[in-house]
N, C-alpha and C. Protein backbone atom coordinates (compact mmCIF):
# COMPACT_ATOMS: atom_id res chain seq x y z
N MET A 1 31.13 -147.84 -73.79
CA MET A 1 30.75 -147.37 -72.48
C MET A 1 31.93 -147.57 -71.52
N LYS A 2 32.27 -146.52 -70.80
CA LYS A 2 33.40 -146.57 -69.89
C LYS A 2 32.97 -147.14 -68.54
N LYS A 3 33.72 -148.12 -68.06
CA LYS A 3 33.42 -148.73 -66.77
C LYS A 3 33.96 -147.83 -65.66
N GLN A 4 33.11 -147.54 -64.67
CA GLN A 4 33.54 -146.71 -63.56
C GLN A 4 34.14 -147.57 -62.46
N SER A 5 35.15 -147.05 -61.84
CA SER A 5 35.80 -147.76 -60.75
C SER A 5 34.98 -147.63 -59.48
N SER A 6 34.90 -148.72 -58.71
CA SER A 6 34.18 -148.68 -57.45
C SER A 6 35.08 -148.18 -56.32
N LYS A 7 36.33 -147.93 -56.65
CA LYS A 7 37.30 -147.47 -55.67
C LYS A 7 37.07 -145.99 -55.37
N THR A 8 37.03 -145.64 -54.08
CA THR A 8 36.91 -144.24 -53.71
C THR A 8 38.27 -143.73 -53.27
N THR A 9 38.47 -142.45 -53.45
CA THR A 9 39.73 -141.85 -53.06
C THR A 9 39.66 -141.42 -51.60
N ASN A 10 40.58 -141.92 -50.82
CA ASN A 10 40.66 -141.58 -49.41
C ASN A 10 41.58 -140.37 -49.28
N LYS A 11 41.01 -139.20 -48.98
CA LYS A 11 41.80 -137.98 -48.87
C LYS A 11 42.33 -137.83 -47.45
N PRO A 12 43.51 -137.22 -47.31
CA PRO A 12 44.05 -137.03 -45.96
C PRO A 12 43.19 -136.08 -45.14
N VAL A 13 43.11 -136.36 -43.83
CA VAL A 13 42.38 -135.48 -42.92
C VAL A 13 43.31 -134.42 -42.33
N HIS A 14 44.61 -134.63 -42.47
CA HIS A 14 45.59 -133.67 -41.96
C HIS A 14 46.90 -133.87 -42.70
N THR A 15 47.60 -132.78 -42.95
CA THR A 15 48.91 -132.83 -43.61
C THR A 15 49.87 -131.90 -42.89
N VAL A 16 51.10 -132.36 -42.71
CA VAL A 16 52.18 -131.55 -42.15
C VAL A 16 53.29 -131.54 -43.20
N ARG A 17 53.80 -130.35 -43.54
CA ARG A 17 54.90 -130.27 -44.50
C ARG A 17 55.94 -129.30 -43.97
N ILE A 18 57.18 -129.76 -43.97
CA ILE A 18 58.31 -128.90 -43.63
C ILE A 18 59.40 -129.21 -44.65
N GLY A 19 59.74 -128.22 -45.45
CA GLY A 19 60.74 -128.42 -46.49
C GLY A 19 60.30 -129.50 -47.46
N ALA A 20 61.17 -130.47 -47.70
CA ALA A 20 60.88 -131.54 -48.64
C ALA A 20 60.12 -132.70 -48.02
N VAL A 21 59.92 -132.67 -46.70
CA VAL A 21 59.30 -133.79 -45.99
C VAL A 21 57.85 -133.44 -45.65
N SER A 22 56.95 -134.38 -45.91
CA SER A 22 55.55 -134.18 -45.57
C SER A 22 54.96 -135.46 -45.00
N ALA A 23 53.90 -135.27 -44.24
CA ALA A 23 53.16 -136.41 -43.69
C ALA A 23 51.68 -136.17 -43.95
N SER A 24 50.98 -137.22 -44.31
CA SER A 24 49.54 -137.17 -44.51
C SER A 24 48.89 -138.18 -43.59
N VAL A 25 47.82 -137.75 -42.91
CA VAL A 25 47.09 -138.62 -42.00
C VAL A 25 45.79 -139.03 -42.68
N PHE A 26 45.54 -140.32 -42.68
CA PHE A 26 44.33 -140.88 -43.28
C PHE A 26 43.52 -141.60 -42.20
N LEU A 27 42.20 -141.62 -42.37
CA LEU A 27 41.35 -142.39 -41.47
C LEU A 27 41.04 -143.73 -42.11
N ASN A 28 41.24 -144.79 -41.36
CA ASN A 28 40.99 -146.15 -41.83
C ASN A 28 39.86 -146.76 -41.03
N ASP A 29 39.20 -147.75 -41.61
CA ASP A 29 38.11 -148.45 -40.93
C ASP A 29 38.66 -149.59 -40.11
N GLY A 30 38.29 -149.62 -38.82
CA GLY A 30 38.69 -150.71 -37.94
C GLY A 30 37.70 -151.86 -38.03
N LYS A 31 38.03 -152.97 -37.40
CA LYS A 31 37.17 -154.16 -37.43
C LYS A 31 35.81 -153.90 -36.82
N ASP A 32 35.76 -153.07 -35.78
CA ASP A 32 34.50 -152.79 -35.10
C ASP A 32 33.74 -151.62 -35.73
N GLY A 33 34.21 -151.12 -36.86
CA GLY A 33 33.56 -150.01 -37.54
C GLY A 33 34.08 -148.65 -37.14
N ALA A 34 34.91 -148.61 -36.11
CA ALA A 34 35.48 -147.33 -35.67
C ALA A 34 36.57 -146.90 -36.65
N LYS A 35 36.76 -145.62 -36.76
CA LYS A 35 37.82 -145.07 -37.62
C LYS A 35 39.09 -144.90 -36.78
N PHE A 36 40.24 -145.17 -37.40
CA PHE A 36 41.50 -144.93 -36.72
C PHE A 36 42.47 -144.27 -37.70
N PRO A 37 43.31 -143.37 -37.19
CA PRO A 37 44.22 -142.64 -38.05
C PRO A 37 45.53 -143.38 -38.28
N SER A 38 46.11 -143.17 -39.44
CA SER A 38 47.46 -143.65 -39.72
C SER A 38 48.14 -142.59 -40.59
N ALA A 39 49.46 -142.56 -40.53
CA ALA A 39 50.20 -141.52 -41.24
C ALA A 39 51.18 -142.13 -42.23
N ILE A 40 51.37 -141.42 -43.32
CA ILE A 40 52.37 -141.76 -44.32
C ILE A 40 53.33 -140.58 -44.40
N ILE A 41 54.62 -140.85 -44.27
CA ILE A 41 55.63 -139.79 -44.33
C ILE A 41 56.44 -139.97 -45.60
N ARG A 42 56.63 -138.86 -46.33
CA ARG A 42 57.33 -138.92 -47.61
C ARG A 42 58.30 -137.75 -47.74
N ARG A 43 59.27 -137.94 -48.60
CA ARG A 43 60.19 -136.87 -48.98
C ARG A 43 60.02 -136.65 -50.48
N SER A 44 59.79 -135.42 -50.87
CA SER A 44 59.64 -135.08 -52.29
C SER A 44 60.97 -134.64 -52.87
N TYR A 45 61.18 -134.97 -54.12
CA TYR A 45 62.37 -134.51 -54.82
C TYR A 45 62.04 -134.33 -56.30
N LYS A 46 62.82 -133.49 -56.95
CA LYS A 46 62.55 -133.16 -58.35
C LYS A 46 63.53 -133.88 -59.26
N THR A 47 63.00 -134.43 -60.35
CA THR A 47 63.81 -135.04 -61.39
C THR A 47 63.54 -134.28 -62.69
N GLU A 48 64.22 -134.68 -63.74
CA GLU A 48 63.97 -134.05 -65.04
C GLU A 48 62.53 -134.27 -65.48
N GLY A 49 61.92 -135.38 -65.04
CA GLY A 49 60.56 -135.70 -65.44
C GLY A 49 59.49 -135.13 -64.52
N GLY A 50 59.87 -134.43 -63.48
CA GLY A 50 58.89 -133.88 -62.54
C GLY A 50 59.21 -134.26 -61.11
N PHE A 51 58.22 -134.16 -60.26
CA PHE A 51 58.41 -134.46 -58.84
C PHE A 51 58.11 -135.92 -58.55
N LYS A 52 58.86 -136.48 -57.61
CA LYS A 52 58.66 -137.85 -57.15
C LYS A 52 58.72 -137.88 -55.64
N ASP A 53 58.28 -138.99 -55.05
CA ASP A 53 58.29 -139.18 -53.61
C ASP A 53 59.19 -140.34 -53.24
N SER A 54 59.75 -140.27 -52.04
CA SER A 54 60.60 -141.33 -51.52
C SER A 54 60.34 -141.49 -50.04
N SER A 55 60.64 -142.67 -49.51
CA SER A 55 60.57 -142.89 -48.06
C SER A 55 61.97 -143.06 -47.50
N SER A 56 62.96 -142.57 -48.23
CA SER A 56 64.36 -142.61 -47.82
C SER A 56 64.80 -141.19 -47.44
N TYR A 57 65.58 -141.09 -46.36
CA TYR A 57 65.98 -139.77 -45.85
C TYR A 57 67.47 -139.73 -45.63
N GLY A 58 68.11 -138.69 -46.14
CA GLY A 58 69.53 -138.48 -45.90
C GLY A 58 69.72 -137.58 -44.68
N GLY A 59 70.96 -137.41 -44.27
CA GLY A 59 71.26 -136.61 -43.10
C GLY A 59 70.70 -135.20 -43.16
N ARG A 60 70.68 -134.61 -44.35
CA ARG A 60 70.19 -133.24 -44.46
C ARG A 60 68.68 -133.12 -44.29
N HIS A 61 67.96 -134.26 -44.31
CA HIS A 61 66.51 -134.24 -44.15
C HIS A 61 66.06 -134.58 -42.74
N LEU A 62 66.99 -134.97 -41.87
CA LEU A 62 66.60 -135.47 -40.56
C LEU A 62 65.94 -134.41 -39.68
N ASN A 63 66.38 -133.16 -39.75
CA ASN A 63 65.72 -132.10 -38.97
C ASN A 63 64.29 -131.89 -39.45
N GLU A 64 64.09 -131.90 -40.77
CA GLU A 64 62.74 -131.76 -41.32
C GLU A 64 61.88 -132.95 -40.91
N LEU A 65 62.45 -134.15 -40.98
CA LEU A 65 61.72 -135.35 -40.60
C LEU A 65 61.30 -135.29 -39.13
N ALA A 66 62.23 -134.89 -38.26
CA ALA A 66 61.92 -134.79 -36.83
C ALA A 66 60.82 -133.77 -36.57
N ALA A 67 60.86 -132.64 -37.26
CA ALA A 67 59.84 -131.61 -37.08
C ALA A 67 58.48 -132.08 -37.57
N VAL A 68 58.44 -132.81 -38.67
CA VAL A 68 57.18 -133.35 -39.19
C VAL A 68 56.61 -134.36 -38.20
N VAL A 69 57.45 -135.25 -37.68
CA VAL A 69 56.98 -136.25 -36.71
C VAL A 69 56.47 -135.55 -35.45
N SER A 70 57.14 -134.50 -35.00
CA SER A 70 56.69 -133.74 -33.84
C SER A 70 55.32 -133.12 -34.09
N GLY A 71 55.12 -132.58 -35.29
CA GLY A 71 53.82 -132.04 -35.66
C GLY A 71 52.74 -133.11 -35.68
N LEU A 72 53.09 -134.29 -36.17
CA LEU A 72 52.14 -135.41 -36.16
C LEU A 72 51.77 -135.81 -34.74
N GLN A 73 52.77 -135.89 -33.87
CA GLN A 73 52.51 -136.25 -32.48
C GLN A 73 51.56 -135.26 -31.82
N ALA A 74 51.75 -133.98 -32.07
CA ALA A 74 50.87 -132.96 -31.50
C ALA A 74 49.46 -133.10 -32.04
N TRP A 75 49.33 -133.35 -33.35
CA TRP A 75 48.00 -133.50 -33.95
C TRP A 75 47.29 -134.75 -33.42
N PHE A 76 48.02 -135.87 -33.35
CA PHE A 76 47.43 -137.10 -32.83
C PHE A 76 46.99 -136.89 -31.38
N ALA A 77 47.82 -136.25 -30.56
CA ALA A 77 47.49 -136.03 -29.15
C ALA A 77 46.24 -135.16 -29.00
N ALA A 78 46.09 -134.16 -29.86
CA ALA A 78 44.93 -133.27 -29.78
C ALA A 78 43.66 -133.91 -30.32
N ASN A 79 43.79 -134.76 -31.33
CA ASN A 79 42.61 -135.30 -32.01
C ASN A 79 42.30 -136.75 -31.67
N TYR A 80 43.29 -137.52 -31.28
CA TYR A 80 43.13 -138.93 -30.94
C TYR A 80 43.97 -139.23 -29.71
N PRO A 81 43.58 -138.69 -28.54
CA PRO A 81 44.42 -138.81 -27.34
C PRO A 81 44.67 -140.25 -26.88
N ASP A 82 43.83 -141.19 -27.28
CA ASP A 82 44.02 -142.59 -26.86
C ASP A 82 44.96 -143.35 -27.78
N THR A 83 45.40 -142.74 -28.87
CA THR A 83 46.30 -143.40 -29.81
C THR A 83 47.63 -143.69 -29.13
N GLY A 84 48.10 -144.90 -29.27
CA GLY A 84 49.40 -145.27 -28.71
C GLY A 84 49.35 -145.77 -27.29
N LYS A 85 48.16 -145.87 -26.72
CA LYS A 85 48.05 -146.38 -25.35
C LYS A 85 47.78 -147.86 -25.34
């Protein structure tokens, strides 16, 4: 008999992708039960074994990174206007 995991998969509520750089926004549970958003930013690259992710950015990725962050800021402002106050 196979044991089932009690872990649930938390899917992103929003994703921004420009070129090799992407950001995913997840909702997390706060202490008071309220949900709050957080973002993970990654850069994808291809190897002989397939695609991988990194949190390291070279000079050629900085424009993509800036555009992704700008998109995140706009989404957070529209959906969670009190974030960052």
